C-alpha atoms as a PDB file:
ATOM      1  CA  MET A   1     -80.883  83.390  79.764  1.00  0.00           C
ATOM      2  CA  THR A   2     -81.155  82.338  83.402  1.00  0.00           C
ATOM      3  CA  LEU A   3     -78.702  80.670  85.719  1.00  0.00           C
ATOM      4  CA  TYR A   4     -80.681  77.441  85.270  1.00  0.00           C
ATOM      5  CA  SER A   5     -80.185  77.321  81.532  1.00  0.00           C
ATOM      6  CA  GLY A   6     -76.593  76.096  81.960  1.00  0.00           C
ATOM      7  CA  MET A   7     -77.679  72.901  83.764  1.00  0.00           C
ATOM      8  CA  GLY A   8     -77.815  70.944  80.555  1.00  0.00           C
ATOM      9  CA  ALA A   9     -74.213  71.747  79.730  1.00  0.00           C
ATOM     10  CA  SER A  10     -72.892  71.020  83.220  1.00  0.00           C
ATOM     11  CA  THR A  11     -74.939  67.769  83.419  1.00  0.00           C
ATOM     12  CA  GLY A  12     -73.480  66.755  80.047  1.00  0.00           C
ATOM     13  CA  MET A  13     -69.944  67.426  81.323  1.00  0.00           C
ATOM     14  CA  ALA A  14     -70.651  65.422  84.469  1.00  0.00           C
ATOM     15  CA  GLY A  15     -71.893  62.520  82.347  1.00  0.00           C
ATOM     16  CA  ALA A  16     -68.831  62.629  80.160  1.00  0.00           C
ATOM     17  CA  ASP A  17     -66.591  62.632  83.233  1.00  0.00           C
ATOM     18  CA  LEU A  18     -68.478  59.620  84.570  1.00  0.00           C
ATOM     19  CA  LEU A  19     -68.224  57.829  81.236  1.00  0.00           C
ATOM     20  CA  GLY A  20     -64.374  58.305  81.211  1.00  0.00           C
ATOM     21  CA  THR A  21     -64.237  57.116  84.812  1.00  0.00           C
ATOM     22  CA  VAL A  22     -66.266  53.903  84.210  1.00  0.00           C
ATOM     23  CA  LEU A  23     -64.350  53.143  80.994  1.00  0.00           C
ATOM     24  CA  GLN A  24     -61.125  53.453  82.960  1.00  0.00           C
ATOM     25  CA  ARG A  25     -62.411  51.229  85.746  1.00  0.00           C
ATOM     26  CA  ASN A  26     -63.575  48.561  83.238  1.00  0.00           C
ATOM     27  CA  PRO A  27     -60.778  48.281  80.637  1.00  0.00           C
ATOM     28  CA  GLY A  28     -61.820  46.198  77.652  1.00  0.00           C
ATOM     29  CA  GLN A  29     -65.359  45.721  79.030  1.00  0.00           C
ATOM     30  CA  ILE A  30     -67.356  48.427  77.262  1.00  0.00           C
ATOM     31  CA  PRO A  31     -70.786  46.842  77.709  1.00  0.00           C
ATOM     32  CA  ARG A  32     -70.193  46.559  81.437  1.00  0.00           C
ATOM     33  CA  ALA A  33     -68.868  50.102  81.639  1.00  0.00           C
ATOM     34  CA  LEU A  34     -71.928  51.426  79.769  1.00  0.00           C
ATOM     35  CA  ARG A  35     -74.265  49.545  82.137  1.00  0.00           C
ATOM     36  CA  GLU A  36     -72.462  51.037  85.170  1.00  0.00           C
ATOM     37  CA  TRP A  37     -72.546  54.502  83.509  1.00  0.00           C
ATOM     38  CA  GLU A  38     -76.341  54.263  83.009  1.00  0.00           C
ATOM     39  CA  GLN A  39     -76.958  52.927  86.546  1.00  0.00           C
ATOM     40  CA  ARG A  40     -74.966  55.801  88.076  1.00  0.00           C
ATOM     41  CA  LEU A  41     -76.111  58.570  85.754  1.00  0.00           C
ATOM     42  CA  ARG A  42     -79.854  57.855  85.508  1.00  0.00           C
ATOM     43  CA  PRO A  43     -80.802  58.752  89.132  1.00  0.00           C
ATOM     44  CA  PHE A  44     -78.775  61.990  88.844  1.00  0.00           C
ATOM     45  CA  ILE A  45     -80.480  62.947  85.533  1.00  0.00           C
ATOM     46  CA  THR A  46     -83.936  62.079  86.872  1.00  0.00           C
ATOM     47  CA  THR A  47     -83.435  64.282  89.892  1.00  0.00           C
ATOM     48  CA  GLU A  48     -82.189  67.155  87.687  1.00  0.00           C
ATOM     49  CA  GLN A  49     -85.231  66.896  85.432  1.00  0.00           C
ATOM     50  CA  GLN A  50     -87.626  66.780  88.342  1.00  0.00           C
ATOM     51  CA  THR A  51     -85.905  69.750  90.029  1.00  0.00           C
ATOM     52  CA  ALA A  52     -85.902  71.760  86.792  1.00  0.00           C
ATOM     53  CA  HIS A  53     -89.682  71.394  86.479  1.00  0.00           C
ATOM     54  CA  SER A  54     -90.574  71.804  90.156  1.00  0.00           C
ATOM     55  CA  VAL A  55     -88.145  74.416  91.388  1.00  0.00           C
ATOM     56  CA  GLY A  56     -86.025  75.784  88.548  1.00  0.00           C
ATOM     57  CA  LEU A  57     -88.795  76.867  86.235  1.00  0.00           C
ATOM     58  CA  GLN A  58     -90.762  78.477  89.019  1.00  0.00           C
ATOM     59  CA  MET A  59     -87.805  80.330  90.541  1.00  0.00           C
ATOM     60  CA  PHE A  60     -85.885  81.345  87.408  1.00  0.00           C
ATOM     61  CA  VAL A  61     -88.670  81.688  84.832  1.00  0.00           C
ATOM     62  CA  PRO A  62     -91.883  82.287  86.779  1.00  0.00           C
ATOM     63  CA  GLN A  63     -95.004  81.690  84.638  1.00  0.00           C
ATOM     64  CA  THR A  64     -97.728  82.891  87.004  1.00  0.00           C
ATOM     65  CA  ARG A  65     -98.332  85.704  89.472  1.00  0.00           C
ATOM     66  CA  ARG A  66     -98.129  83.142  92.229  1.00  0.00           C
ATOM     67  CA  HIS A  67     -94.685  82.019  91.150  1.00  0.00           C
ATOM     68  CA  ILE A  68     -93.512  85.672  90.887  1.00  0.00           C
ATOM     69  CA  ALA A  69     -94.846  86.308  94.389  1.00  0.00           C
ATOM     70  CA  LEU A  70     -93.107  83.193  95.760  1.00  0.00           C
ATOM     71  CA  ARG A  71     -89.823  84.225  94.099  1.00  0.00           C
ATOM     72  CA  THR A  72     -90.128  87.696  95.615  1.00  0.00           C
ATOM     73  CA  ILE A  73     -90.856  86.253  99.082  1.00  0.00           C
ATOM     74  CA  ASN A  74     -87.941  83.836  98.744  1.00  0.00           C
ATOM     75  CA  HIS A  75     -85.582  86.680  97.773  1.00  0.00           C
ATOM     76  CA  LYS A  76     -86.762  88.773 100.812  1.00  0.00           C
ATOM     77  CA  LEU A  77     -86.182  85.790 103.176  1.00  0.00           C
ATOM     78  CA  VAL A  78     -82.763  85.117 101.779  1.00  0.00           C
ATOM     79  CA  SER A  79     -81.840  88.851 101.994  1.00  0.00           C
ATOM     80  CA  ASN A  80     -83.127  89.342 105.589  1.00  0.00           C
ATOM     81  CA  PRO A  81     -80.407  88.873 108.199  1.00  0.00           C
ATOM     82  CA  LEU A  82     -82.916  87.295 110.589  1.00  0.00           C
ATOM     83  CA  THR A  83     -84.169  84.636 108.154  1.00  0.00           C
ATOM     84  CA  ALA A  84     -81.077  84.183 105.892  1.00  0.00           C
ATOM     85  CA  ARG A  85     -79.498  81.420 108.093  1.00  0.00           C
ATOM     86  CA  VAL A  86     -82.654  79.315 108.024  1.00  0.00           C
ATOM     87  CA  MET A  87     -83.111  79.844 104.319  1.00  0.00           C
ATOM     88  CA  LYS A  88     -79.532  78.755 103.677  1.00  0.00           C
ATOM     89  CA  ILE A  89     -80.120  75.528 105.557  1.00  0.00           C
ATOM     90  CA  VAL A  90     -83.406  74.888 103.675  1.00  0.00           C
ATOM     91  CA  MET A  91     -81.909  75.634 100.335  1.00  0.00           C
ATOM     92  CA  THR A  92     -78.720  73.665 100.940  1.00  0.00           C
ATOM     93  CA  SER A  93     -80.796  70.642 101.945  1.00  0.00           C
ATOM     94  CA  ALA A  94     -83.124  71.015  98.916  1.00  0.00           C
ATOM     95  CA  LEU A  95     -80.250  71.318  96.456  1.00  0.00           C
ATOM     96  CA  LYS A  96     -77.832  68.874  98.054  1.00  0.00           C
ATOM     97  CA  HIS A  97     -77.870  66.633  94.967  1.00  0.00           C
ATOM     98  CA  LYS A  98     -76.213  69.433  92.981  1.00  0.00           C
ATOM     99  CA  SER A  99     -73.010  68.965  94.943  1.00  0.00           C
ATOM    100  CA  THR A 100     -72.773  65.232  94.263  1.00  0.00           C
ATOM    101  CA  ASP A 101     -69.776  64.056  92.306  1.00  0.00           C
ATOM    102  CA  ILE A 102     -71.303  61.310  90.226  1.00  0.00           C
ATOM    103  CA  ALA A 103     -67.874  60.135  88.989  1.00  0.00           C
ATOM    104  CA  ALA A 104     -66.477  59.649  92.500  1.00  0.00           C
ATOM    105  CA  PRO A 105     -65.877  56.003  93.553  1.00  0.00           C
END
């Protein structure tokens, strides 16, 4: 198991939270609430799926020697005091979508 394997569960909880929120915002209007839920959730899910294939798989479950080497280099850059600050900025920017509260108004 990797850290990335929990993304399905956390994404499911985020979707459930959003569903509760849109149902509360649209009392008695279930079709409208479900449309809003889909419109807000779909971009988030699409980004998660793309990230899982492009970054997550390569970093957490490397399949090739190249991916293993890239993960090793990334770890060294993050661990090095001279490059850690830059890597934090790069990683924060690349993973910004993970801190989005999809249920927020």
